Amino acid sequence: MVPGGSGSGAAAPQPPVDWRAAFISLEFFVDAANISRGRGDLILPLVFAAIVQANQAPLRNDLELHKRYGNSGEAIPDELRRPISINAVAQSLRLPFETVRRKVRSLVDGGVCVATPTGVYVPRAAIVAEEHASMQAARMARLGRFHDDLLGLGLLLGDEALPRALPAELMRSVNRALSEYMLRSCDRVIEFAGGVVDGFVLLGLCLVSAADALATYEAGQPLRPSPCSMRAVAARLRMPHETVRRRLLALEALGYARRRGRRWVPVAPRAHRPRLARIAADNELDVRRLFARLRELSQISELSRPPELSELPQP
């Protein structure tokens, strides 16, 4: 980060908390999205997540099922998964029907989705598969870092923090809660930028620009977005340079990005600033809800954990 005074041992000047908070939130969202998509595109894991969330709807409506599967992290059996139509997935994600149909076809062909007369579902076998479990473990580890970053900034207070590191047995329950947060966030991004890829590129531009601004921060100086190269945005998002170029041009037409020579800077049009403030406030509430849910899961897990031998009453 920024070095302190030369040899004096003085602490480095700290940028405003709101900038650092925005940066770590953007960084977490982009990292979680990249973990979810692996080496694939952005839309496929989004469609996958929407299908899984819909399949698990019975957990929210049936108290007994929730007790059995909701907090345990155990994958629910196929006969309890509620299929969802392709049209419903497309509407929930605000994506064209044909785009979603192609993605679902790809999931079915890959053996991670099952098509039925009433809709599609992701089978238990795909959820417990090693590849999916590895992705879930990586997302949970990144979520733990996000928690520690928020705590370090004082944005999670003592009673909002997790009482302990999330145990491995909660992996599926934690990822279920994280997927709900990510889908809500994606919905806002899509609504604001007009599309999944456009929104992701805008977030990437903001992230790289903020990183540069924070790295060069000087105490007492105004903090503004730094111009950054298209190549840096593409590298951070792990996206083709040409895709990023086209999306930046589209964002420029909307007034959300501006060219400065061969570099780019994010722009918040004055007319959209109240809307952006609402999005930021809603995201903060969602983050707090996410960690409240994780605290609940952690406490339930602790209560159900068998006592250690040292804790058992001695004869």
Protein backbone atom coordinates (compact mmCIF):
# COMPACT_ATOMS: atom_id res chain seq x y z
CA MET A 1 0.00 0.00 0.00
CA VAL A 2 1.14 3.59 0.51
CA PRO A 3 4.49 3.82 2.35
CA GLY A 4 4.84 5.95 5.44
CA GLY A 5 7.31 8.75 5.98
CA SER A 6 10.79 7.84 4.78
CA GLY A 7 12.47 6.01 7.65
CA SER A 8 10.42 7.87 10.28
CA GLY A 9 8.16 4.95 11.18
CA ALA A 10 5.16 7.26 10.70
CA ALA A 11 1.89 5.57 9.82
CA ALA A 12 0.85 5.81 6.19
CA PRO A 13 -1.96 8.29 5.51
CA GLN A 14 -5.30 6.50 5.29
CA PRO A 15 -7.82 7.33 2.57
CA PRO A 16 -11.44 8.03 3.62
CA VAL A 17 -13.29 5.02 5.00
CA ASP A 18 -16.10 5.30 2.45
CA TRP A 19 -13.61 4.92 -0.41
CA ARG A 20 -11.92 1.93 1.21
CA ALA A 21 -15.31 0.38 1.98
CA ALA A 22 -16.46 0.80 -1.62
CA PHE A 23 -13.19 -0.69 -2.85
CA ILE A 24 -13.30 -3.85 -0.72
CA SER A 25 -16.99 -4.37 -1.59
CA LEU A 26 -16.26 -4.07 -5.32
CA GLU A 27 -13.22 -6.31 -4.95
CA PHE A 28 -15.25 -8.97 -3.16
CA PHE A 29 -18.06 -8.95 -5.73
CA VAL A 30 -15.68 -9.23 -8.68
CA ASP A 31 -13.63 -11.96 -7.00
CA ALA A 32 -16.73 -13.97 -6.02
CA ALA A 33 -18.10 -13.68 -9.56
CA ASN A 34 -14.76 -14.81 -11.04
CA ILE A 35 -14.58 -17.78 -8.67
CA SER A 36 -18.12 -18.76 -9.65
CA ARG A 37 -17.45 -18.68 -13.39
CA GLY A 38 -14.06 -20.37 -13.32
CA ARG A 39 -12.78 -20.12 -16.88
CA GLY A 40 -16.22 -19.68 -18.42
CA ASP A 41 -18.41 -16.71 -19.20
CA LEU A 42 -20.39 -14.58 -16.75
CA ILE A 43 -23.92 -15.53 -17.70
CA LEU A 44 -23.63 -19.31 -17.35
CA PRO A 45 -22.95 -19.34 -13.56
CA LEU A 46 -25.63 -16.68 -13.11
CA VAL A 47 -28.19 -18.91 -14.82
CA PHE A 48 -26.92 -21.88 -12.81
CA ALA A 49 -27.29 -19.96 -9.53
CA ALA A 50 -30.80 -18.78 -10.42
CA ILE A 51 -31.87 -22.37 -11.17
CA VAL A 52 -30.39 -23.68 -7.91
CA GLN A 53 -32.06 -20.94 -5.88
CA ALA A 54 -35.43 -21.68 -7.48
CA ASN A 55 -34.97 -25.43 -6.98
CA GLN A 56 -34.47 -24.82 -3.27
CA ALA A 57 -37.66 -22.78 -2.85
CA PRO A 58 -39.33 -25.56 -0.79
CA LEU A 59 -36.75 -24.90 1.96
CA ARG A 60 -38.20 -21.41 2.43
CA ASN A 61 -41.80 -22.57 2.54
CA ASP A 62 -41.65 -25.82 4.53
CA LEU A 63 -40.46 -25.55 8.13
CA GLU A 64 -39.65 -29.25 8.45
CA LEU A 65 -37.62 -29.27 5.24
CA HIS A 66 -35.78 -26.16 6.40
CA LYS A 67 -34.91 -27.84 9.70
CA ARG A 68 -33.69 -30.91 7.84
CA TYR A 69 -31.71 -29.29 5.04
CA GLY A 70 -31.68 -25.50 5.47
CA ASN A 71 -29.05 -25.15 8.17
CA SER A 72 -27.26 -28.50 7.98
CA GLY A 73 -25.58 -27.86 4.66
CA GLU A 74 -26.78 -31.24 3.46
CA ALA A 75 -27.74 -31.22 -0.23
CA ILE A 76 -31.46 -31.77 -0.70
CA PRO A 77 -32.54 -34.83 -2.72
CA ASP A 78 -33.71 -34.45 -6.31
CA GLU A 79 -37.34 -35.28 -5.56
CA LEU A 80 -37.58 -32.18 -3.35
CA ARG A 81 -36.05 -29.79 -5.90
CA ARG A 82 -38.62 -27.58 -7.58
CA PRO A 83 -38.04 -27.23 -11.36
CA ILE A 84 -38.14 -23.75 -12.88
CA SER A 85 -39.04 -22.84 -16.46
CA ILE A 86 -36.50 -21.24 -18.77
CA ASN A 87 -38.84 -18.29 -19.19
CA ALA A 88 -38.97 -17.75 -15.41
CA VAL A 89 -35.16 -17.83 -15.23
CA ALA A 90 -34.92 -15.30 -18.07
CA GLN A 91 -37.41 -12.97 -16.39
CA SER A 92 -35.74 -13.22 -12.98
CA LEU A 93 -32.36 -12.29 -14.49
CA ARG A 94 -33.73 -9.76 -17.02
CA LEU A 95 -32.01 -11.68 -19.80
CA PRO A 96 -33.30 -12.54 -23.28
CA PHE A 97 -35.13 -15.87 -23.40
CA GLU A 98 -32.95 -17.19 -26.22
CA THR A 99 -29.76 -16.38 -24.30
CA VAL A 100 -31.00 -18.28 -21.26
CA ARG A 101 -32.26 -21.17 -23.40
CA ARG A 102 -28.78 -21.60 -24.90
CA LYS A 103 -27.11 -21.48 -21.49
CA VAL A 104 -29.54 -24.02 -20.04
CA ARG A 105 -28.94 -26.28 -23.03
CA SER A 106 -25.22 -26.06 -22.31
CA LEU A 107 -25.80 -26.98 -18.65
CA VAL A 108 -27.99 -29.93 -19.63
CA ASP A 109 -25.44 -31.14 -22.19
CA GLY A 110 -22.74 -30.84 -19.53
CA GLY A 111 -24.70 -33.06 -17.17
CA VAL A 112 -25.14 -30.43 -14.45
CA CYS A 113 -28.79 -29.69 -15.16
CA VAL A 114 -31.84 -31.88 -15.81
CA ALA A 115 -34.70 -30.88 -18.13
CA THR A 116 -38.22 -32.04 -17.25
CA PRO A 117 -41.66 -31.24 -18.74
CA THR A 118 -42.20 -28.67 -15.97
CA GLY A 119 -38.79 -27.02 -16.04
CA VAL A 120 -35.15 -27.59 -15.16
CA TYR A 121 -33.29 -28.40 -11.98
CA VAL A 122 -29.71 -28.89 -10.86
CA PRO A 123 -29.44 -32.42 -9.44
CA ARG A 124 -27.90 -33.29 -6.09
CA ALA A 125 -25.06 -35.10 -7.88
CA ALA A 126 -23.91 -31.81 -9.46
CA ILE A 127 -24.06 -29.99 -6.11
CA VAL A 128 -21.91 -32.58 -4.29
CA ALA A 129 -19.48 -33.04 -7.18
CA GLU A 130 -15.83 -32.32 -6.39
CA GLU A 131 -15.57 -29.44 -8.90
CA HIS A 132 -18.59 -27.65 -7.45
CA ALA A 133 -17.43 -28.28 -3.87
CA SER A 134 -14.02 -26.80 -4.70
CA MET A 135 -15.68 -23.65 -6.06
CA GLN A 136 -17.87 -23.39 -2.95
CA ALA A 137 -14.83 -23.73 -0.68
CA ALA A 138 -13.03 -20.96 -2.57
CA ARG A 139 -16.08 -18.67 -2.32
CA MET A 140 -16.35 -19.33 1.41
CA ALA A 141 -12.67 -18.54 1.94
CA ARG A 142 -13.07 -15.27 0.00
CA LEU A 143 -16.14 -14.44 2.07
CA GLY A 144 -14.05 -14.90 5.22
CA ARG A 145 -11.52 -12.37 3.92
CA PHE A 146 -14.34 -9.95 3.10
CA HIS A 147 -15.61 -10.28 6.68
CA ASP A 148 -12.14 -9.57 8.10
CA ASP A 149 -11.69 -6.55 5.80
CA LEU A 150 -15.03 -5.07 6.91
CA LEU A 151 -14.18 -5.74 10.54
CA GLY A 152 -10.80 -4.07 10.12
CA LEU A 153 -12.47 -0.94 8.75
CA GLY A 154 -14.93 -0.86 11.62
CA LEU A 155 -17.85 -1.41 9.25
CA LEU A 156 -18.91 -4.53 11.14
CA LEU A 157 -19.29 -3.88 14.84
CA GLY A 158 -18.45 -6.40 17.53
CA ASP A 159 -21.93 -7.91 17.77
CA GLU A 160 -22.15 -8.08 13.95
CA ALA A 161 -18.92 -10.03 13.53
CA LEU A 162 -18.81 -13.78 13.16
CA PRO A 163 -18.06 -15.50 16.47
CA ARG A 164 -15.58 -17.86 14.82
CA ALA A 165 -14.28 -18.89 11.42
CA LEU A 166 -16.97 -20.56 9.32
CA PRO A 167 -16.60 -24.34 9.69
CA ALA A 168 -16.38 -26.58 6.64
CA GLU A 169 -19.65 -28.34 7.46
CA LEU A 170 -21.50 -25.08 6.76
CA MET A 171 -20.10 -24.76 3.25
CA ARG A 172 -23.37 -25.39 1.37
CA SER A 173 -25.48 -23.29 3.74
CA VAL A 174 -22.97 -20.43 3.54
CA ASN A 175 -22.88 -20.62 -0.25
CA ARG A 176 -26.68 -20.64 -0.39
CA ALA A 177 -26.73 -17.37 1.57
CA LEU A 178 -23.92 -15.94 -0.56
CA SER A 179 -25.73 -16.85 -3.79
CA GLU A 180 -28.81 -14.96 -2.60
CA TYR A 181 -26.66 -11.90 -1.96
CA MET A 182 -24.89 -12.19 -5.33
CA LEU A 183 -28.17 -12.58 -7.25
CA ARG A 184 -29.64 -9.48 -5.59
CA SER A 185 -26.47 -7.54 -6.38
CA CYS A 186 -26.49 -8.75 -9.99
CA ASP A 187 -30.08 -7.61 -10.34
CA ARG A 188 -29.08 -4.07 -9.38
CA VAL A 189 -26.06 -4.12 -11.68
CA ILE A 190 -28.17 -5.33 -14.62
CA GLU A 191 -30.86 -2.73 -13.96
CA PHE A 192 -28.35 0.11 -13.72
CA ALA A 193 -26.01 -0.74 -16.60
CA GLY A 194 -28.53 -2.48 -18.86
CA GLY A 195 -26.84 -5.88 -18.97
CA VAL A 196 -24.72 -8.42 -17.11
CA VAL A 197 -21.49 -7.92 -19.06
CA ASP A 198 -21.89 -4.14 -19.23
CA GLY A 199 -22.42 -4.00 -15.48
CA PHE A 200 -19.44 -6.25 -14.77
CA VAL A 201 -17.16 -4.14 -16.95
CA LEU A 202 -18.39 -0.97 -15.21
CA LEU A 203 -17.62 -2.53 -11.82
CA GLY A 204 -14.20 -3.57 -13.10
CA LEU A 205 -13.48 -0.05 -14.33
CA CYS A 206 -14.50 1.36 -10.93
CA LEU A 207 -12.39 -1.24 -9.12
CA VAL A 208 -9.17 -0.65 -11.08
CA SER A 209 -9.69 3.12 -10.99
CA ALA A 210 -10.25 3.08 -7.21
CA ALA A 211 -7.22 0.83 -6.65
CA ASP A 212 -5.00 3.31 -8.50
CA ALA A 213 -6.50 6.25 -6.59
CA LEU A 214 -6.03 4.58 -3.21
CA ALA A 215 -2.47 3.50 -4.02
CA THR A 216 -1.43 7.08 -4.81
CA TYR A 217 -3.41 8.76 -2.02
CA GLU A 218 -1.80 11.77 -0.35
CA ALA A 219 -3.14 13.14 2.91
CA GLY A 220 -5.17 16.32 2.48
CA GLN A 221 -5.61 15.85 -1.25
CA PRO A 222 -9.03 15.20 -2.82
CA LEU A 223 -9.57 11.59 -3.77
CA ARG A 224 -10.92 11.12 -7.30
CA PRO A 225 -11.17 8.14 -9.67
CA SER A 226 -7.92 7.58 -11.53
CA PRO A 227 -7.84 7.02 -15.30
CA CYS A 228 -6.85 3.45 -16.08
CA SER A 229 -6.05 1.43 -19.15
CA MET A 230 -8.51 -0.84 -20.93
CA ARG A 231 -5.92 -3.60 -20.68
CA ALA A 232 -5.80 -3.29 -16.86
CA VAL A 233 -9.60 -3.60 -16.66
CA ALA A 234 -9.59 -6.65 -18.96
CA ALA A 235 -6.85 -8.31 -16.90
CA ARG A 236 -8.63 -7.67 -13.58
CA LEU A 237 -11.90 -9.09 -14.94
CA ARG A 238 -10.21 -11.95 -16.85
CA MET A 239 -12.11 -10.93 -19.96
CA PRO A 240 -11.05 -10.56 -23.61
CA HIS A 241 -9.68 -7.13 -24.45
CA GLU A 242 -12.12 -6.72 -27.36
CA THR A 243 -15.14 -7.50 -25.15
CA VAL A 244 -14.04 -4.88 -22.64
CA ARG A 245 -13.44 -2.35 -25.42
CA ARG A 246 -16.96 -2.80 -26.82
CA ARG A 247 -18.57 -2.62 -23.38
CA LEU A 248 -16.63 0.53 -22.45
CA LEU A 249 -17.83 2.20 -25.64
CA ALA A 250 -21.41 1.26 -24.71
CA LEU A 251 -20.91 2.60 -21.18
CA GLU A 252 -19.45 5.81 -22.64
CA ALA A 253 -22.63 6.26 -24.68
CA LEU A 254 -24.67 5.93 -21.45
CA GLY A 255 -22.50 8.51 -19.71
CA TYR A 256 -20.96 6.04 -17.22
CA ALA A 257 -17.41 6.09 -18.62
CA ARG A 258 -15.20 8.69 -20.22
CA ARG A 259 -12.01 8.47 -22.27
CA ARG A 260 -8.95 10.47 -21.30
CA GLY A 261 -6.48 9.93 -24.07
CA ARG A 262 -5.94 6.16 -24.20
CA ARG A 263 -7.23 5.64 -20.68
CA TRP A 264 -10.69 5.43 -19.12
CA VAL A 265 -12.34 6.77 -15.99
CA PRO A 266 -15.76 5.90 -14.45
CA VAL A 267 -18.32 8.68 -14.33
CA ALA A 268 -21.33 9.19 -12.07
CA PRO A 269 -23.74 11.42 -14.04
CA ARG A 270 -25.35 13.99 -11.77
CA ALA A 271 -28.85 12.81 -12.65
CA HIS A 272 -28.00 9.26 -11.52
CA ARG A 273 -26.25 10.09 -8.25
CA PRO A 274 -29.38 9.71 -6.05
CA ARG A 275 -29.95 6.31 -7.66
CA LEU A 276 -26.33 5.30 -7.05
CA ALA A 277 -26.65 6.40 -3.42
CA ARG A 278 -29.71 4.14 -3.04
CA ILE A 279 -27.84 1.22 -4.63
CA ALA A 280 -24.93 1.71 -2.21
CA ALA A 281 -27.31 1.93 0.77
CA ASP A 282 -29.21 -1.18 -0.33
CA ASN A 283 -25.94 -3.06 -0.78
CA GLU A 284 -24.83 -2.13 2.73
CA LEU A 285 -28.10 -3.48 4.12
CA ASP A 286 -27.69 -6.68 2.10
CA VAL A 287 -24.14 -7.16 3.39
CA ARG A 288 -25.35 -6.78 6.97
CA ARG A 289 -28.18 -9.25 6.31
CA LEU A 290 -25.69 -11.68 4.80
CA PHE A 291 -23.47 -11.63 7.87
CA ALA A 292 -26.47 -11.78 10.20
CA ARG A 293 -27.48 -14.99 8.42
CA LEU A 294 -23.93 -16.34 8.68
CA ARG A 295 -23.85 -15.58 12.43
CA GLU A 296 -27.13 -17.46 12.79
CA LEU A 297 -25.73 -20.45 10.92
CA SER A 298 -22.54 -20.39 12.97
CA GLN A 299 -24.47 -20.30 16.25
CA ILE A 300 -26.74 -23.16 15.16
CA SER A 301 -23.67 -25.18 14.18
CA GLU A 302 -22.02 -24.48 17.54
CA LEU A 303 -25.13 -25.56 19.47
CA SER A 304 -25.38 -28.81 17.51
CA ARG A 305 -21.66 -29.61 17.81
CA PRO A 306 -20.98 -32.56 20.17
CA PRO A 307 -18.90 -31.56 23.20
CA GLU A 308 -15.21 -32.32 23.24
CA LEU A 309 -14.09 -35.03 25.61
CA SER A 310 -12.54 -32.38 27.85
CA GLU A 311 -15.96 -30.70 28.15
CA LEU A 312 -17.82 -33.82 29.23
CA PRO A 313 -18.71 -34.15 32.93
CA GLN A 314 -16.08 -36.15 34.77
CA PRO A 315 -17.17 -39.10 36.93
